[in-house]
Amino acid sequence: VLALRQAISPVADLLGQESDPEDPPTIAQLRASLRSTEHIRREGRMGE
């Protein structure tokens, strides 16, 4: 769970952001990603 701990840590917000060649995700893309991730969690695929 270390990767998750780092993702939710407030310290992560203080670190510099990596230069990103991609456009920001759209709201529709964010919601689709959220749905797919929640589906994986409900199936108990914790490693993923």
ModelCIF file with pLDDT and N, C-alpha, C, O atoms, coordinates in Angstrom:
data_MODEL
#
_entry.id   MODEL 
#
_entity.id                         1 
_entity.type                       polymer 
_entity.pdbx_number_of_molecules   1 
#
_entity_poly.entity_id                      1 
_entity_poly.type                           'polypeptide(L)' 
_entity_poly.nstd_linkage                   no 
_entity_poly.nstd_monomer                   no 
_entity_poly.pdbx_seq_one_letter_code       VLALRQAISPVADLLGQESDPEDPPTIAQLRASLRSTEHIRREGRMGE 
_entity_poly.pdbx_seq_one_letter_code_can   VLALRQAISPVADLLGQESDPEDPPTIAQLRASLRSTEHIRREGRMGE 
_entity_poly.pdbx_strand_id                 A 
#
loop_
_entity_poly_seq.entity_id 
_entity_poly_seq.num 
_entity_poly_seq.mon_id 
_entity_poly_seq.hetero 
1 1  VAL n 
1 2  LEU n 
1 3  ALA n 
1 4  LEU n 
1 5  ARG n 
1 6  GLN n 
1 7  ALA n 
1 8  ILE n 
1 9  SER n 
1 10 PRO n 
1 11 VAL n 
1 12 ALA n 
1 13 ASP n 
1 14 LEU n 
1 15 LEU n 
1 16 GLY n 
1 17 GLN n 
1 18 GLU n 
1 19 SER n 
1 20 ASP n 
1 21 PRO n 
1 22 GLU n 
1 23 ASP n 
1 24 PRO n 
1 25 PRO n 
1 26 THR n 
1 27 ILE n 
1 28 ALA n 
1 29 GLN n 
1 30 LEU n 
1 31 ARG n 
1 32 ALA n 
1 33 SER n 
1 34 LEU n 
1 35 ARG n 
1 36 SER n 
1 37 THR n 
1 38 GLU n 
1 39 HIS n 
1 40 ILE n 
1 41 ARG n 
1 42 ARG n 
1 43 GLU n 
1 44 GLY n 
1 45 ARG n 
1 46 MET n 
1 47 GLY n 
1 48 GLU n 
#
_struct_asym.id          A 
_struct_asym.entity_id   1 
#
loop_
_ma_qa_metric.id 
_ma_qa_metric.mode 
_ma_qa_metric.name 
_ma_qa_metric.software_group_id 
_ma_qa_metric.type 
1 global pLDDT . pLDDT 
2 local  pLDDT . pLDDT 
#
_ma_qa_metric_global.metric_id      1 
_ma_qa_metric_global.metric_value   77.46 
_ma_qa_metric_global.model_id       1 
_ma_qa_metric_global.ordinal_id     1 
#
loop_
_ma_qa_metric_local.label_asym_id 
_ma_qa_metric_local.label_comp_id 
_ma_qa_metric_local.label_seq_id 
_ma_qa_metric_local.metric_id 
_ma_qa_metric_local.metric_value 
_ma_qa_metric_local.model_id 
_ma_qa_metric_local.ordinal_id 
A VAL 1  2 75.00 1 1  
A LEU 2  2 78.00 1 2  
A ALA 3  2 78.00 1 3  
A LEU 4  2 83.00 1 4  
A ARG 5  2 84.00 1 5  
A GLN 6  2 81.00 1 6  
A ALA 7  2 84.00 1 7  
A ILE 8  2 87.00 1 8  
A SER 9  2 82.00 1 9  
A PRO 10 2 68.00 1 10 
A VAL 11 2 67.00 1 11 
A ALA 12 2 58.00 1 12 
A ASP 13 2 62.00 1 13 
A LEU 14 2 58.00 1 14 
A LEU 15 2 56.00 1 15 
A GLY 16 2 52.00 1 16 
A GLN 17 2 55.00 1 17 
A GLU 18 2 54.00 1 18 
A SER 19 2 55.00 1 19 
A ASP 20 2 57.00 1 20 
A PRO 21 2 54.00 1 21 
A GLU 22 2 65.00 1 22 
A ASP 23 2 73.00 1 23 
A PRO 24 2 77.00 1 24 
A PRO 25 2 86.00 1 25 
A THR 26 2 90.00 1 26 
A ILE 27 2 92.00 1 27 
A ALA 28 2 92.00 1 28 
A GLN 29 2 89.00 1 29 
A LEU 30 2 92.00 1 30 
A ARG 31 2 92.00 1 31 
A ALA 32 2 90.00 1 32 
A SER 33 2 90.00 1 33 
A LEU 34 2 91.00 1 34 
A ARG 35 2 90.00 1 35 
A SER 36 2 88.00 1 36 
A THR 37 2 87.00 1 37 
A GLU 38 2 86.00 1 38 
A HIS 39 2 86.00 1 39 
A ILE 40 2 85.00 1 40 
A ARG 41 2 83.00 1 41 
A ARG 42 2 85.00 1 42 
A GLU 43 2 85.00 1 43 
A GLY 44 2 81.00 1 44 
A ARG 45 2 81.00 1 45 
A MET 46 2 77.00 1 46 
A GLY 47 2 77.00 1 47 
A GLU 48 2 80.00 1 48 
#
loop_
_atom_site.group_PDB 
_atom_site.id 
_atom_site.type_symbol 
_atom_site.label_atom_id 
_atom_site.label_alt_id 
_atom_site.label_comp_id 
_atom_site.label_asym_id 
_atom_site.label_entity_id 
_atom_site.label_seq_id 
_atom_site.pdbx_PDB_ins_code 
_atom_site.Cartn_x 
_atom_site.Cartn_y 
_atom_site.Cartn_z 
_atom_site.occupancy 
_atom_site.B_iso_or_equiv 
_atom_site.pdbx_formal_charge 
_atom_site.auth_seq_id 
_atom_site.auth_comp_id 
_atom_site.auth_asym_id 
_atom_site.auth_atom_id 
_atom_site.pdbx_PDB_model_num 
ATOM 1   N N  . VAL A 1 1  ? 0.817   -1.204 0.000   1.00 75.00 ? 1  VAL A N  1 
ATOM 2   C CA . VAL A 1 1  ? 0.000   0.000  0.000   1.00 75.00 ? 1  VAL A CA 1 
ATOM 3   C C  . VAL A 1 1  ? 0.854   1.259  0.000   1.00 75.00 ? 1  VAL A C  1 
ATOM 4   O O  . VAL A 1 1  ? 0.327   2.361  0.152   1.00 75.00 ? 1  VAL A O  1 
ATOM 5   N N  . LEU A 1 2  ? 2.171   1.111  -0.168  1.00 78.00 ? 2  LEU A N  1 
ATOM 6   C CA . LEU A 1 2  ? 3.028   2.278  -0.096  1.00 78.00 ? 2  LEU A CA 1 
ATOM 7   C C  . LEU A 1 2  ? 2.693   3.292  -1.187  1.00 78.00 ? 2  LEU A C  1 
ATOM 8   O O  . LEU A 1 2  ? 2.668   4.496  -0.934  1.00 78.00 ? 2  LEU A O  1 
ATOM 9   N N  . ALA A 1 3  ? 2.434   2.804  -2.398  1.00 78.00 ? 3  ALA A N  1 
ATOM 10  C CA . ALA A 1 3  ? 2.094   3.720  -3.489  1.00 78.00 ? 3  ALA A CA 1 
ATOM 11  C C  . ALA A 1 3  ? 0.816   4.493  -3.179  1.00 78.00 ? 3  ALA A C  1 
ATOM 12  O O  . ALA A 1 3  ? 0.705   5.678  -3.492  1.00 78.00 ? 3  ALA A O  1 
ATOM 13  N N  . LEU A 1 4  ? -0.153  3.807  -2.557  1.00 83.00 ? 4  LEU A N  1 
ATOM 14  C CA . LEU A 1 4  ? -1.399  4.473  -2.166  1.00 83.00 ? 4  LEU A CA 1 
ATOM 15  C C  . LEU A 1 4  ? -1.136  5.479  -1.052  1.00 83.00 ? 4  LEU A C  1 
ATOM 16  O O  . LEU A 1 4  ? -1.668  6.589  -1.076  1.00 83.00 ? 4  LEU A O  1 
ATOM 17  N N  . ARG A 1 5  ? -0.322  5.096  -0.085  1.00 84.00 ? 5  ARG A N  1 
ATOM 18  C CA . ARG A 1 5  ? 0.009   6.028  0.996   1.00 84.00 ? 5  ARG A CA 1 
ATOM 19  C C  . ARG A 1 5  ? 0.622   7.304  0.434   1.00 84.00 ? 5  ARG A C  1 
ATOM 20  O O  . ARG A 1 5  ? 0.272   8.405  0.859   1.00 84.00 ? 5  ARG A O  1 
ATOM 21  N N  . GLN A 1 6  ? 1.534   7.158  -0.515  1.00 81.00 ? 6  GLN A N  1 
ATOM 22  C CA . GLN A 1 6  ? 2.182   8.325  -1.093  1.00 81.00 ? 6  GLN A CA 1 
ATOM 23  C C  . GLN A 1 6  ? 1.185   9.175  -1.878  1.00 81.00 ? 6  GLN A C  1 
ATOM 24  O O  . GLN A 1 6  ? 1.272   10.403 -1.869  1.00 81.00 ? 6  GLN A O  1 
ATOM 25  N N  . ALA A 1 7  ? 0.237   8.523  -2.558  1.00 84.00 ? 7  ALA A N  1 
ATOM 26  C CA . ALA A 1 7  ? -0.739  9.259  -3.369  1.00 84.00 ? 7  ALA A CA 1 
ATOM 27  C C  . ALA A 1 7  ? -1.672  10.101 -2.514  1.00 84.00 ? 7  ALA A C  1 
ATOM 28  O O  . ALA A 1 7  ? -2.072  11.192 -2.922  1.00 84.00 ? 7  ALA A O  1 
ATOM 29  N N  . ILE A 1 8  ? -2.025  9.602  -1.323  1.00 87.00 ? 8  ILE A N  1 
ATOM 30  C CA . ILE A 1 8  ? -2.971  10.338 -0.479  1.00 87.00 ? 8  ILE A CA 1 
ATOM 31  C C  . ILE A 1 8  ? -2.279  11.280 0.491   1.00 87.00 ? 8  ILE A C  1 
ATOM 32  O O  . ILE A 1 8  ? -2.943  12.069 1.163   1.00 87.00 ? 8  ILE A O  1 
ATOM 33  N N  . SER A 1 9  ? -0.959  11.210 0.575   1.00 82.00 ? 9  SER A N  1 
ATOM 34  C CA . SER A 1 9  ? -0.242  12.044 1.533   1.00 82.00 ? 9  SER A CA 1 
ATOM 35  C C  . SER A 1 9  ? -0.305  13.513 1.140   1.00 82.00 ? 9  SER A C  1 
ATOM 36  O O  . SER A 1 9  ? -0.079  13.848 -0.022  1.00 82.00 ? 9  SER A O  1 
ATOM 37  N N  . PRO A 1 10 ? -0.610  14.396 2.093   1.00 68.00 ? 10 PRO A N  1 
ATOM 38  C CA . PRO A 1 10 ? -0.593  15.834 1.790   1.00 68.00 ? 10 PRO A CA 1 
ATOM 39  C C  . PRO A 1 10 ? 0.778   16.314 1.318   1.00 68.00 ? 10 PRO A C  1 
ATOM 40  O O  . PRO A 1 10 ? 0.879   17.322 0.619   1.00 68.00 ? 10 PRO A O  1 
ATOM 41  N N  . VAL A 1 11 ? 1.838   15.590 1.702   1.00 67.00 ? 11 VAL A N  1 
ATOM 42  C CA . VAL A 1 11 ? 3.182   15.974 1.279   1.00 67.00 ? 11 VAL A CA 1 
ATOM 43  C C  . VAL A 1 11 ? 3.310   15.926 -0.238  1.00 67.00 ? 11 VAL A C  1 
ATOM 44  O O  . VAL A 1 11 ? 4.075   16.690 -0.828  1.00 67.00 ? 11 VAL A O  1 
ATOM 45  N N  . ALA A 1 12 ? 2.549   15.015 -0.872  1.00 58.00 ? 12 ALA A N  1 
ATOM 46  C CA . ALA A 1 12 ? 2.630   14.876 -2.320  1.00 58.00 ? 12 ALA A CA 1 
ATOM 47  C C  . ALA A 1 12 ? 2.258   16.174 -3.027  1.00 58.00 ? 12 ALA A C  1 
ATOM 48  O O  . ALA A 1 12 ? 2.763   16.452 -4.115  1.00 58.00 ? 12 ALA A O  1 
ATOM 49  N N  . ASP A 1 13 ? 1.381   16.971 -2.421  1.00 62.00 ? 13 ASP A N  1 
ATOM 50  C CA . ASP A 1 13 ? 0.966   18.223 -3.039  1.00 62.00 ? 13 ASP A CA 1 
ATOM 51  C C  . ASP A 1 13 ? 2.068   19.277 -3.007  1.00 62.00 ? 13 ASP A C  1 
ATOM 52  O O  . ASP A 1 13 ? 2.032   20.240 -3.773  1.00 62.00 ? 13 ASP A O  1 
ATOM 53  N N  . LEU A 1 14 ? 3.048   19.095 -2.121  1.00 58.00 ? 14 LEU A N  1 
ATOM 54  C CA . LEU A 1 14 ? 4.116   20.071 -1.988  1.00 58.00 ? 14 LEU A CA 1 
ATOM 55  C C  . LEU A 1 14 ? 5.275   19.796 -2.940  1.00 58.00 ? 14 LEU A C  1 
ATOM 56  O O  . LEU A 1 14 ? 6.144   20.648 -3.129  1.00 58.00 ? 14 LEU A O  1 
ATOM 57  N N  . LEU A 1 15 ? 5.287   18.600 -3.541  1.00 56.00 ? 15 LEU A N  1 
ATOM 58  C CA . LEU A 1 15 ? 6.369   18.231 -4.444  1.00 56.00 ? 15 LEU A CA 1 
ATOM 59  C C  . LEU A 1 15 ? 6.133   18.832 -5.821  1.00 56.00 ? 15 LEU A C  1 
ATOM 60  O O  . LEU A 1 15 ? 4.989   19.067 -6.212  1.00 56.00 ? 15 LEU A O  1 
ATOM 61  N N  . GLY A 1 16 ? 7.194   19.076 -6.546  1.00 52.00 ? 16 GLY A N  1 
ATOM 62  C CA . GLY A 1 16 ? 7.081   19.633 -7.886  1.00 52.00 ? 16 GLY A CA 1 
ATOM 63  C C  . GLY A 1 16 ? 6.398   18.657 -8.825  1.00 52.00 ? 16 GLY A C  1 
ATOM 64  O O  . GLY A 1 16 ? 6.572   17.445 -8.705  1.00 52.00 ? 16 GLY A O  1 
ATOM 65  N N  . GLN A 1 17 ? 5.624   19.184 -9.756  1.00 55.00 ? 17 GLN A N  1 
ATOM 66  C CA . GLN A 1 17 ? 4.916   18.357 -10.719 1.00 55.00 ? 17 GLN A CA 1 
ATOM 67  C C  . GLN A 1 17 ? 5.800   18.053 -11.915 1.00 55.00 ? 17 GLN A C  1 
ATOM 68  O O  . GLN A 1 17 ? 6.504   18.929 -12.416 1.00 55.00 ? 17 GLN A O  1 
ATOM 69  N N  . GLU A 1 18 ? 5.760   16.803 -12.371 1.00 54.00 ? 18 GLU A N  1 
ATOM 70  C CA . GLU A 1 18 ? 6.529   16.397 -13.539 1.00 54.00 ? 18 GLU A CA 1 
ATOM 71  C C  . GLU A 1 18 ? 5.972   17.072 -14.788 1.00 54.00 ? 18 GLU A C  1 
ATOM 72  O O  . GLU A 1 18 ? 4.758   17.205 -14.945 1.00 54.00 ? 18 GLU A O  1 
ATOM 73  N N  . SER A 1 19 ? 6.873   17.498 -15.676 1.00 55.00 ? 19 SER A N  1 
ATOM 74  C CA . SER A 1 19 ? 6.436   18.079 -16.937 1.00 55.00 ? 19 SER A CA 1 
ATOM 75  C C  . SER A 1 19 ? 5.605   17.059 -17.702 1.00 55.00 ? 19 SER A C  1 
ATOM 76  O O  . SER A 1 19 ? 6.026   15.915 -17.874 1.00 55.00 ? 19 SER A O  1 
ATOM 77  N N  . ASP A 1 20 ? 4.429   17.467 -18.161 1.00 57.00 ? 20 ASP A N  1 
ATOM 78  C CA . ASP A 1 20 ? 3.476   16.526 -18.728 1.00 57.00 ? 20 ASP A CA 1 
ATOM 79  C C  . ASP A 1 20 ? 3.177   16.869 -20.178 1.00 57.00 ? 20 ASP A C  1 
ATOM 80  O O  . ASP A 1 20 ? 2.635   17.940 -20.454 1.00 57.00 ? 20 ASP A O  1 
ATOM 81  N N  . PRO A 1 21 ? 3.523   15.968 -21.130 1.00 54.00 ? 21 PRO A N  1 
ATOM 82  C CA . PRO A 1 21 ? 3.243   16.250 -22.534 1.00 54.00 ? 21 PRO A CA 1 
ATOM 83  C C  . PRO A 1 21 ? 1.785   16.039 -22.911 1.00 54.00 ? 21 PRO A C  1 
ATOM 84  O O  . PRO A 1 21 ? 1.359   16.445 -23.993 1.00 54.00 ? 21 PRO A O  1 
ATOM 85  N N  . GLU A 1 22 ? 1.019   15.411 -22.033 1.00 65.00 ? 22 GLU A N  1 
ATOM 86  C CA . GLU A 1 22 ? -0.374  15.130 -22.330 1.00 65.00 ? 22 GLU A CA 1 
ATOM 87  C C  . GLU A 1 22 ? -1.272  16.279 -21.900 1.00 65.00 ? 22 GLU A C  1 
ATOM 88  O O  . GLU A 1 22 ? -0.967  17.016 -20.962 1.00 65.00 ? 22 GLU A O  1 
ATOM 89  N N  . ASP A 1 23 ? -2.383  16.412 -22.609 1.00 73.00 ? 23 ASP A N  1 
ATOM 90  C CA . ASP A 1 23 ? -3.394  17.365 -22.182 1.00 73.00 ? 23 ASP A CA 1 
ATOM 91  C C  . ASP A 1 23 ? -4.034  16.855 -20.893 1.00 73.00 ? 23 ASP A C  1 
ATOM 92  O O  . ASP A 1 23 ? -4.068  15.647 -20.659 1.00 73.00 ? 23 ASP A O  1 
ATOM 93  N N  . PRO A 1 24 ? -4.536  17.750 -20.064 1.00 77.00 ? 24 PRO A N  1 
ATOM 94  C CA . PRO A 1 24 ? -5.236  17.301 -18.853 1.00 77.00 ? 24 PRO A CA 1 
ATOM 95  C C  . PRO A 1 24 ? -6.407  16.399 -19.222 1.00 77.00 ? 24 PRO A C  1 
ATOM 96  O O  . PRO A 1 24 ? -7.032  16.602 -20.263 1.00 77.00 ? 24 PRO A O  1 
ATOM 97  N N  . PRO A 1 25 ? -6.712  15.414 -18.395 1.00 86.00 ? 25 PRO A N  1 
ATOM 98  C CA . PRO A 1 25 ? -7.850  14.540 -18.697 1.00 86.00 ? 25 PRO A CA 1 
ATOM 99  C C  . PRO A 1 25 ? -9.149  15.329 -18.659 1.00 86.00 ? 25 PRO A C  1 
ATOM 100 O O  . PRO A 1 25 ? -9.306  16.246 -17.852 1.00 86.00 ? 25 PRO A O  1 
ATOM 101 N N  . THR A 1 26 ? -10.071 14.971 -19.530 1.00 90.00 ? 26 THR A N  1 
ATOM 102 C CA . THR A 1 26 ? -11.372 15.617 -19.519 1.00 90.00 ? 26 THR A CA 1 
ATOM 103 C C  . THR A 1 26 ? -12.189 15.086 -18.341 1.00 90.00 ? 26 THR A C  1 
ATOM 104 O O  . THR A 1 26 ? -11.837 14.073 -17.737 1.00 90.00 ? 26 THR A O  1 
ATOM 105 N N  . ILE A 1 27 ? -13.259 15.765 -18.030 1.00 92.00 ? 27 ILE A N  1 
ATOM 106 C CA . ILE A 1 27 ? -14.132 15.301 -16.947 1.00 92.00 ? 27 ILE A CA 1 
ATOM 107 C C  . ILE A 1 27 ? -14.696 13.923 -17.298 1.00 92.00 ? 27 ILE A C  1 
ATOM 108 O O  . ILE A 1 27 ? -14.789 13.055 -16.429 1.00 92.00 ? 27 ILE A O  1 
ATOM 109 N N  . ALA A 1 28 ? -15.072 13.715 -18.560 1.00 92.00 ? 28 ALA A N  1 
ATOM 110 C CA . ALA A 1 28 ? -15.597 12.416 -18.977 1.00 92.00 ? 28 ALA A CA 1 
ATOM 111 C C  . ALA A 1 28 ? -14.546 11.324 -18.805 1.00 92.00 ? 28 ALA A C  1 
ATOM 112 O O  . ALA A 1 28 ? -14.870 10.216 -18.378 1.00 92.00 ? 28 ALA A O  1 
ATOM 113 N N  . GLN A 1 29 ? -13.294 11.624 -19.130 1.00 89.00 ? 29 GLN A N  1 
ATOM 114 C CA . GLN A 1 29 ? -12.222 10.639 -18.962 1.00 89.00 ? 29 GLN A CA 1 
ATOM 115 C C  . GLN A 1 29 ? -11.992 10.335 -17.492 1.00 89.00 ? 29 GLN A C  1 
ATOM 116 O O  . GLN A 1 29 ? -11.786 9.180  -17.119 1.00 89.00 ? 29 GLN A O  1 
ATOM 117 N N  . LEU A 1 30 ? -12.025 11.363 -16.657 1.00 92.00 ? 30 LEU A N  1 
ATOM 118 C CA . LEU A 1 30 ? -11.849 11.144 -15.225 1.00 92.00 ? 30 LEU A CA 1 
ATOM 119 C C  . LEU A 1 30 ? -12.956 10.255 -14.661 1.00 92.00 ? 30 LEU A C  1 
ATOM 120 O O  . LEU A 1 30 ? -12.689 9.348  -13.873 1.00 92.00 ? 30 LEU A O  1 
ATOM 121 N N  . ARG A 1 31 ? -14.187 10.516 -15.062 1.00 92.00 ? 31 ARG A N  1 
ATOM 122 C CA . ARG A 1 31 ? -15.298 9.722  -14.548 1.00 92.00 ? 31 ARG A CA 1 
ATOM 123 C C  . ARG A 1 31 ? -15.222 8.285  -15.045 1.00 92.00 ? 31 ARG A C  1 
ATOM 124 O O  . ARG A 1 31 ? -15.528 7.352  -14.302 1.00 92.00 ? 31 ARG A O  1 
ATOM 125 N N  . ALA A 1 32 ? -14.811 8.100  -16.310 1.00 90.00 ? 32 ALA A N  1 
ATOM 126 C CA . ALA A 1 32 ? -14.671 6.743  -16.842 1.00 90.00 ? 32 ALA A CA 1 
ATOM 127 C C  . ALA A 1 32 ? -13.574 5.983  -16.104 1.00 90.00 ? 32 ALA A C  1 
ATOM 128 O O  . ALA A 1 32 ? -13.730 4.801  -15.801 1.00 90.00 ? 32 ALA A O  1 
ATOM 129 N N  . SER A 1 33 ? -12.467 6.659  -15.816 1.00 90.00 ? 33 SER A N  1 
ATOM 130 C CA . SER A 1 33 ? -11.375 6.027  -15.066 1.00 90.00 ? 33 SER A CA 1 
ATOM 131 C C  . SER A 1 33 ? -11.823 5.665  -13.656 1.00 90.00 ? 33 SER A C  1 
ATOM 132 O O  . SER A 1 33 ? -11.463 4.609  -13.136 1.00 90.00 ? 33 SER A O  1 
ATOM 133 N N  . LEU A 1 34 ? -12.612 6.545  -13.039 1.00 91.00 ? 34 LEU A N  1 
ATOM 134 C CA . LEU A 1 34 ? -13.125 6.275  -11.697 1.00 91.00 ? 34 LEU A CA 1 
ATOM 135 C C  . LEU A 1 34 ? -14.031 5.051  -11.714 1.00 91.00 ? 34 LEU A C  1 
ATOM 136 O O  . LEU A 1 34 ? -13.932 4.198  -10.832 1.00 91.00 ? 34 LEU A O  1 
ATOM 137 N N  . ARG A 1 35 ? -14.913 4.954  -12.707 1.00 90.00 ? 35 ARG A N  1 
ATOM 138 C CA . ARG A 1 35 ? -15.824 3.808  -12.796 1.00 90.00 ? 35 ARG A CA 1 
ATOM 139 C C  . ARG A 1 35 ? -15.051 2.503  -12.969 1.00 90.00 ? 35 ARG A C  1 
ATOM 140 O O  . ARG A 1 35 ? -15.369 1.504  -12.324 1.00 90.00 ? 35 ARG A O  1 
ATOM 141 N N  . SER A 1 36 ? -14.036 2.506  -13.836 1.00 88.00 ? 36 SER A N  1 
ATOM 142 C CA . SER A 1 36 ? -13.272 1.281  -14.074 1.00 88.00 ? 36 SER A CA 1 
ATOM 143 C C  . SER A 1 36 ? -12.483 0.869  -12.838 1.00 88.00 ? 36 SER A C  1 
ATOM 144 O O  . SER A 1 36 ? -12.365 -0.318 -12.535 1.00 88.00 ? 36 SER A O  1 
ATOM 145 N N  . THR A 1 37 ? -11.941 1.858  -12.126 1.00 87.00 ? 37 THR A N  1 
ATOM 146 C CA . THR A 1 37 ? -11.177 1.551  -10.917 1.00 87.00 ? 37 THR A CA 1 
ATOM 147 C C  . THR A 1 37 ? -12.080 1.006  -9.823  1.00 87.00 ? 37 THR A C  1 
ATOM 148 O O  . THR A 1 37 ? -11.710 0.059  -9.129  1.00 87.00 ? 37 THR A O  1 
ATOM 149 N N  . GLU A 1 38 ? -13.261 1.595  -9.661  1.00 86.00 ? 38 GLU A N  1 
ATOM 150 C CA . GLU A 1 38 ? -14.204 1.121  -8.655  1.00 86.00 ? 38 GLU A CA 1 
ATOM 151 C C  . GLU A 1 38 ? -14.667 -0.297 -8.996  1.00 86.00 ? 38 GLU A C  1 
ATOM 152 O O  . GLU A 1 38 ? -14.860 -1.118 -8.099  1.00 86.00 ? 38 GLU A O  1 
ATOM 153 N N  . HIS A 1 39 ? -14.846 -0.585 -10.282 1.00 86.00 ? 39 HIS A N  1 
ATOM 154 C CA . HIS A 1 39 ? -15.240 -1.933 -10.708 1.00 86.00 ? 39 HIS A CA 1 
ATOM 155 C C  . HIS A 1 39 ? -14.163 -2.952 -10.311 1.00 86.00 ? 39 HIS A C  1 
ATOM 156 O O  . HIS A 1 39 ? -14.480 -4.035 -9.818  1.00 86.00 ? 39 HIS A O  1 
ATOM 157 N N  . ILE A 1 40 ? -12.904 -2.603 -10.527 1.00 85.00 ? 40 ILE A N  1 
ATOM 158 C CA . ILE A 1 40 ? -11.795 -3.487 -10.163 1.00 85.00 ? 40 ILE A CA 1 
ATOM 159 C C  . ILE A 1 40 ? -11.773 -3.709 -8.654  1.00 85.00 ? 40 ILE A C  1 
ATOM 160 O O  . ILE A 1 40 ? -11.536 -4.827 -8.196  1.00 85.00 ? 40 ILE A O  1 
ATOM 161 N N  . ARG A 1 41 ? -12.019 -2.648 -7.875  1.00 83.00 ? 41 ARG A N  1 
ATOM 162 C CA . ARG A 1 41 ? -12.016 -2.793 -6.418  1.00 83.00 ? 41 ARG A CA 1 
ATOM 163 C C  . ARG A 1 41 ? -13.128 -3.721 -5.956  1.00 83.00 ? 41 ARG A C  1 
ATOM 164 O O  . ARG A 1 41 ? -12.914 -4.564 -5.085  1.00 83.00 ? 41 ARG A O  1 
ATOM 165 N N  . ARG A 1 42 ? -14.325 -3.568 -6.539  1.00 85.00 ? 42 ARG A N  1 
ATOM 166 C CA . ARG A 1 42 ? -15.446 -4.418 -6.140  1.00 85.00 ? 42 ARG A CA 1 
ATOM 167 C C  . ARG A 1 42 ? -15.172 -5.887 -6.441  1.00 85.00 ? 42 ARG A C  1 
ATOM 168 O O  . ARG A 1 42 ? -15.677 -6.771 -5.749  1.00 85.00 ? 42 ARG A O  1 
ATOM 169 N N  . GLU A 1 43 ? -14.381 -6.145 -7.462  1.00 85.00 ? 43 GLU A N  1 
ATOM 170 C CA . GLU A 1 43 ? -14.039 -7.524 -7.803  1.00 85.00 ? 43 GLU A CA 1 
ATOM 171 C C  . GLU A 1 43 ? -12.920 -8.072 -6.923  1.00 85.00 ? 43 GLU A C  1 
ATOM 172 O O  . GLU A 1 43 ? -12.543 -9.237 -7.049  1.00 85.00 ? 43 GLU A O  1 
ATOM 173 N N  . GLY A 1 44 ? -12.388 -7.235 -6.030  1.00 81.00 ? 44 GLY A N  1 
ATOM 174 C CA . GLY A 1 44 ? -11.370 -7.694 -5.105  1.00 81.00 ? 44 GLY A CA 1 
ATOM 175 C C  . GLY A 1 44 ? -9.978  -7.812 -5.689  1.00 81.00 ? 44 GLY A C  1 
ATOM 176 O O  . GLY A 1 44 ? -9.125  -8.501 -5.130  1.00 81.00 ? 44 GLY A O  1 
ATOM 177 N N  . ARG A 1 45 ? -9.742  -7.149 -6.805  1.00 81.00 ? 45 ARG A N  1 
ATOM 178 C CA . ARG A 1 45 ? -8.420  -7.230 -7.452  1.00 81.00 ? 45 ARG A CA 1 
ATOM 179 C C  . ARG A 1 45 ? -7.514  -6.149 -6.865  1.00 81.00 ? 45 ARG A C  1 
ATOM 180 O O  . ARG A 1 45 ? -7.190  -5.159 -7.521  1.00 81.00 ? 45 ARG A O  1 
ATOM 181 N N  . MET A 1 46 ? -7.113  -6.369 -5.600  1.00 77.00 ? 46 MET A N  1 
ATOM 182 C CA . MET A 1 46 ? -6.404  -5.352 -4.832  1.00 77.00 ? 46 MET A CA 1 
ATOM 183 C C  . MET A 1 46 ? -5.050  -5.000 -5.427  1.00 77.00 ? 46 MET A C  1 
ATOM 184 O O  . MET A 1 46 ? -4.633  -3.843 -5.377  1.00 77.00 ? 46 MET A O  1 
ATOM 185 N N  . GLY A 1 47 ? -4.356  -5.992 -5.995  1.00 77.00 ? 47 GLY A N  1 
ATOM 186 C CA . GLY A 1 47 ? -3.067  -5.710 -6.593  1.00 77.00 ? 47 GLY A CA 1 
ATOM 187 C C  . GLY A 1 47 ? -3.173  -4.690 -7.714  1.00 77.00 ? 47 GLY A C  1 
ATOM 188 O O  . GLY A 1 47 ? -2.317  -3.814 -7.843  1.00 77.00 ? 47 GLY A O  1 
ATOM 189 N N  . GLU A 1 48 ? -4.222  -4.800 -8.528  1.00 80.00 ? 48 GLU A N  1 
ATOM 190 C CA . GLU A 1 48 ? -4.427  -3.850 -9.619  1.00 80.00 ? 48 GLU A CA 1 
ATOM 191 C C  . GLU A 1 48 ? -4.800  -2.475 -9.088  1.00 80.00 ? 48 GLU A C  1 
ATOM 192 O O  . GLU A 1 48 ? -5.011  -1.548 -9.870  1.00 80.00 ? 48 GLU A O  1 
#
